[in-house]
Amino acid sequence: MRRDPRAERAARVTQTKSEPRKKPPFLPGVLAIAFGVPVIFWLKFGTINGYALATTGFLLLLVFAIEFIPKLNQKYGAELEADRVERRWYDQFGIVWLLAIPFAPLLGWVIQTTATIGLQNWRWIFGLRGFVCVVLPLASVLTLLRYVRGRAAPYALLILLVGTAFPVSTGISAALDFVRGPRWESVEIVSLERVTMIVNSHHTPTTIVSATLSDGRVLEANAAAVTLRTGAKRALILQHSGIILALE
């Protein structure tokens, strides 16, 4: 008996469509992000700073969410459906919270790096960054807390906590400096070094100067706003951000 080639092709297509798509392996993906993202920052910018760690944490959050949220929905979906919360107008702020997770740190970074921080503008720069990265996520996440209930509450709280911590961690220093302001301090500058950025495999100097103090601290200043010199000085410093605003 001869086989019908068209019937065999149709059977293979049907079998392929019925097979579920395989997800990328979970553990290798986590390890690739945990080690790969800091390495990329090191190769690109020559440093692993808070932005690198925050970006790594955010990507890990996405991976864990993709892996576990469907499982949690299968386990607790019926319970949450029976205990549904009535929607209110302020629930729209939940969208603001979700958008603030990736975009608030990026916007805060753009605000601070595109402006020359000096005595005349530091307050509005740090105030704007503190509002975008700290106030906005914390205020908007409050509207989501009433959805945290039932046996899924610990998992929901963990997601809200980690998601809020990402933008807040990138802007808390600016927020604290905005509230407390700069402080004059007697310091001794031991060495100065121009901060460089790796562009097209070449070290390109920036306008930022790194100052190492005798007590071991490393502060930064914008050479376009402050002229730094070694020796004993009095410096006006934003303590939490480690930025020198003036020198005398």
Protein backbone atom coordinates (compact mmCIF):
# COMPACT_ATOMS: atom_id res chain seq x y z
CA MET A 1 0.00 0.00 0.00
CA ARG A 2 1.42 3.34 -1.09
CA ARG A 3 1.59 6.24 1.37
CA ASP A 4 0.08 9.57 0.44
CA PRO A 5 2.87 12.23 0.66
CA ARG A 6 0.35 15.03 1.14
CA ALA A 7 -1.27 13.21 4.04
CA GLU A 8 2.14 12.69 5.68
CA ARG A 9 3.04 16.39 5.32
CA ALA A 10 -0.32 17.40 6.77
CA ALA A 11 0.20 15.03 9.71
CA ARG A 12 3.67 16.48 10.41
CA VAL A 13 2.32 20.05 10.30
CA THR A 14 -0.52 19.15 12.67
CA GLN A 15 1.91 17.48 15.08
CA THR A 16 4.24 20.51 14.98
CA LYS A 17 1.39 22.92 15.73
CA SER A 18 0.12 20.79 18.61
CA GLU A 19 3.52 20.66 20.31
CA PRO A 20 4.01 23.48 22.86
CA ARG A 21 6.88 25.84 22.23
CA LYS A 22 9.83 25.26 24.47
CA LYS A 23 10.76 28.15 26.72
CA PRO A 24 14.38 29.23 27.03
CA PRO A 25 16.13 27.39 29.89
CA PHE A 26 15.57 29.26 33.15
CA LEU A 27 18.81 28.74 35.09
CA PRO A 28 21.22 29.43 32.18
CA GLY A 29 19.28 32.62 31.42
CA VAL A 30 19.55 33.78 35.03
CA LEU A 31 23.29 33.09 35.12
CA ALA A 32 23.81 34.81 31.75
CA ILE A 33 22.11 37.98 33.01
CA ALA A 34 23.70 37.92 36.48
CA PHE A 35 27.23 37.74 35.06
CA GLY A 36 26.82 39.00 31.50
CA VAL A 37 25.26 42.41 32.15
CA PRO A 38 27.97 43.59 34.60
CA VAL A 39 30.62 42.37 32.16
CA ILE A 40 29.00 44.37 29.34
CA PHE A 41 29.02 47.50 31.52
CA TRP A 42 32.67 46.89 32.35
CA LEU A 43 33.64 46.49 28.70
CA LYS A 44 31.56 49.48 27.59
CA PHE A 45 32.12 51.99 30.39
CA GLY A 46 35.10 50.61 32.28
CA THR A 47 33.21 50.33 35.56
CA ILE A 48 30.48 48.35 37.34
CA ASN A 49 28.40 50.96 39.15
CA GLY A 50 24.94 51.14 40.65
CA TYR A 51 23.35 51.43 37.23
CA ALA A 52 24.91 48.14 36.16
CA LEU A 53 23.67 46.36 39.28
CA ALA A 54 20.21 47.96 39.05
CA THR A 55 19.88 46.99 35.38
CA THR A 56 20.95 43.45 36.22
CA GLY A 57 18.36 43.29 38.99
CA PHE A 58 15.60 44.57 36.72
CA LEU A 59 16.35 42.01 33.99
CA LEU A 60 16.45 39.25 36.59
CA LEU A 61 13.05 40.43 37.84
CA LEU A 62 11.65 40.08 34.32
CA VAL A 63 13.06 36.57 33.96
CA PHE A 64 11.63 35.46 37.31
CA ALA A 65 8.27 37.05 36.46
CA ILE A 66 8.07 35.23 33.13
CA GLU A 67 8.95 31.95 34.83
CA PHE A 68 6.78 32.05 37.95
CA ILE A 69 3.79 34.37 37.35
CA PRO A 70 1.99 31.88 35.04
CA LYS A 71 2.51 29.15 37.63
CA LEU A 72 1.16 31.38 40.40
CA ASN A 73 -1.83 32.28 38.26
CA GLN A 74 -2.62 28.61 37.73
CA LYS A 75 -2.32 27.92 41.46
CA TYR A 76 -4.13 30.95 42.90
CA GLY A 77 -6.11 32.31 39.93
CA ALA A 78 -9.46 30.84 41.02
CA GLU A 79 -9.07 32.15 44.56
CA LEU A 80 -8.22 35.66 43.37
CA GLU A 81 -11.09 35.63 40.89
CA ALA A 82 -13.55 34.82 43.70
CA ASP A 83 -12.11 37.61 45.86
CA ARG A 84 -11.99 40.24 43.11
CA VAL A 85 -11.34 43.85 44.14
CA GLU A 86 -13.66 46.55 42.83
CA ARG A 87 -11.81 48.87 40.49
CA ARG A 88 -11.32 52.55 41.35
CA TRP A 89 -10.21 55.53 39.29
CA TYR A 90 -6.82 55.67 41.00
CA ASP A 91 -6.01 52.14 39.86
CA GLN A 92 -4.67 53.79 36.69
CA PHE A 93 -1.61 54.77 38.72
CA GLY A 94 -0.65 51.10 38.61
CA ILE A 95 0.28 51.67 34.98
CA VAL A 96 2.49 54.56 36.11
CA TRP A 97 4.22 52.21 38.56
CA LEU A 98 4.80 49.62 35.85
CA LEU A 99 6.25 52.19 33.44
CA ALA A 100 8.41 53.71 36.19
CA ILE A 101 10.30 50.45 36.70
CA PRO A 102 12.34 50.64 33.46
CA PHE A 103 11.89 54.27 32.41
CA ALA A 104 12.32 56.25 35.65
CA PRO A 105 16.00 55.20 36.09
CA LEU A 106 16.69 55.97 32.44
CA LEU A 107 15.03 59.39 32.66
CA GLY A 108 16.82 60.16 35.94
CA TRP A 109 20.16 59.25 34.39
CA VAL A 110 19.46 61.48 31.36
CA ILE A 111 18.46 64.39 33.60
CA GLN A 112 21.66 64.25 35.65
CA THR A 113 24.15 63.46 32.88
CA THR A 114 22.95 65.95 30.27
CA ALA A 115 23.13 68.94 32.61
CA THR A 116 26.23 70.54 34.11
CA ILE A 117 25.61 70.33 37.85
CA GLY A 118 26.57 73.53 39.64
CA LEU A 119 25.52 75.86 42.42
CA GLN A 120 22.74 77.43 40.37
CA ASN A 121 20.95 74.29 39.17
CA TRP A 122 21.76 71.33 41.45
CA ARG A 123 18.51 71.66 43.40
CA TRP A 124 16.13 71.37 40.46
CA ILE A 125 18.22 68.61 38.84
CA PHE A 126 18.28 66.48 41.99
CA GLY A 127 14.70 67.39 42.88
CA LEU A 128 13.44 66.29 39.47
CA ARG A 129 15.41 63.07 39.59
CA GLY A 130 14.24 62.34 43.14
CA PHE A 131 10.62 62.92 42.12
CA VAL A 132 10.82 60.69 39.03
CA CYS A 133 12.80 57.84 40.62
CA VAL A 134 11.57 57.90 44.23
CA VAL A 135 8.34 59.81 44.80
CA LEU A 136 6.52 58.62 41.68
CA PRO A 137 7.16 54.86 42.14
CA LEU A 138 6.42 54.94 45.89
CA ALA A 139 3.19 56.92 45.43
CA SER A 140 1.90 54.81 42.56
CA VAL A 141 2.64 51.45 44.20
CA LEU A 142 0.35 52.37 47.11
CA THR A 143 -2.66 52.05 44.80
CA LEU A 144 -1.76 48.41 44.14
CA LEU A 145 -1.52 47.28 47.76
CA ARG A 146 -5.26 46.62 48.04
CA TYR A 147 -4.87 43.88 45.44
CA VAL A 148 -2.46 42.04 47.75
CA ARG A 149 -4.61 39.43 49.43
CA GLY A 150 -5.11 35.71 49.87
CA ARG A 151 -2.46 33.02 49.75
CA ALA A 152 -0.72 34.78 46.85
CA ALA A 153 -0.06 37.87 49.00
CA PRO A 154 3.62 37.07 49.81
CA TYR A 155 4.44 36.64 46.12
CA ALA A 156 2.57 39.81 45.15
CA LEU A 157 4.35 41.79 47.86
CA LEU A 158 7.72 40.48 46.68
CA ILE A 159 6.99 41.59 43.10
CA LEU A 160 5.87 45.05 44.23
CA LEU A 161 8.87 45.39 46.55
CA VAL A 162 11.49 44.41 43.98
CA GLY A 163 9.81 46.39 41.20
CA THR A 164 9.70 49.53 43.36
CA ALA A 165 13.22 49.07 44.72
CA PHE A 166 14.74 49.22 41.22
CA PRO A 167 13.93 52.87 40.38
CA VAL A 168 14.17 53.99 44.02
CA SER A 169 17.70 52.59 44.36
CA THR A 170 18.85 54.71 41.39
CA GLY A 171 17.41 57.97 42.72
CA ILE A 172 17.56 57.78 46.52
CA SER A 173 20.93 59.56 46.70
CA ALA A 174 19.62 62.48 44.65
CA ALA A 175 16.46 62.64 46.78
CA LEU A 176 18.44 62.70 50.05
CA ASP A 177 20.77 65.40 48.76
CA PHE A 178 17.79 67.46 47.60
CA VAL A 179 16.28 67.31 51.09
CA ARG A 180 19.47 67.80 53.13
CA GLY A 181 21.45 70.00 50.76
CA PRO A 182 25.23 70.35 50.39
CA ARG A 183 27.68 70.90 53.25
CA TRP A 184 30.99 72.74 53.46
CA GLU A 185 33.80 70.46 54.56
CA SER A 186 37.57 70.72 54.95
CA VAL A 187 39.20 68.11 52.73
CA GLU A 188 42.60 67.27 51.32
CA ILE A 189 42.60 66.25 47.66
CA VAL A 190 45.38 63.73 47.04
CA SER A 191 44.95 63.02 43.33
CA LEU A 192 42.77 63.93 40.37
CA GLU A 193 41.78 61.78 37.42
CA ARG A 194 39.65 62.52 34.41
CA VAL A 195 36.77 60.05 34.06
CA THR A 196 36.72 58.33 30.67
CA MET A 197 34.07 56.42 28.76
CA ILE A 198 34.80 53.58 26.35
CA VAL A 199 33.44 54.56 22.93
CA ASN A 200 34.23 52.38 19.90
CA SER A 201 36.91 50.54 21.90
CA HIS A 202 38.66 53.83 22.78
CA HIS A 203 38.83 55.65 26.11
CA THR A 204 37.14 59.01 25.55
CA PRO A 205 37.59 61.65 28.30
CA THR A 206 34.49 63.26 29.80
CA THR A 207 34.02 66.52 31.68
CA ILE A 208 33.81 64.61 34.99
CA VAL A 209 36.88 64.67 37.25
CA SER A 210 37.37 62.10 40.00
CA ALA A 211 39.04 63.40 43.19
CA THR A 212 40.60 61.04 45.71
CA LEU A 213 40.70 62.45 49.25
CA SER A 214 43.16 61.71 52.01
CA ASP A 215 40.44 59.91 53.99
CA GLY A 216 39.91 57.44 51.12
CA ARG A 217 36.72 58.90 49.71
CA VAL A 218 36.39 59.39 45.97
CA LEU A 219 34.26 62.36 44.91
CA GLU A 220 33.36 63.73 41.50
CA ALA A 221 33.00 67.19 40.02
CA ASN A 222 32.17 68.61 36.62
CA ALA A 223 35.23 70.38 35.26
CA ALA A 224 32.96 72.81 33.40
CA ALA A 225 31.60 74.08 36.74
CA VAL A 226 34.41 73.50 39.28
CA THR A 227 38.18 73.82 38.93
CA LEU A 228 39.77 71.16 41.11
CA ARG A 229 43.32 71.31 42.48
CA THR A 230 45.20 69.03 44.83
CA GLY A 231 45.92 70.08 48.40
CA ALA A 232 43.93 71.16 51.44
CA LYS A 233 40.68 72.83 50.44
CA ARG A 234 37.21 73.67 51.63
CA ALA A 235 34.65 71.94 49.47
CA LEU A 236 30.89 72.20 49.18
CA ILE A 237 29.82 68.57 48.87
CA LEU A 238 26.58 66.75 48.17
CA GLN A 239 27.25 63.99 50.66
CA HIS A 240 25.05 61.17 49.34
CA SER A 241 25.89 61.62 45.66
CA GLY A 242 29.57 62.38 46.30
CA ILE A 243 29.61 65.51 44.11
CA ILE A 244 31.69 68.62 44.72
CA LEU A 245 29.74 71.78 43.88
CA ALA A 246 32.33 74.40 44.81
CA LEU A 247 35.89 74.70 46.06
CA GLU A 248 37.71 77.43 47.95
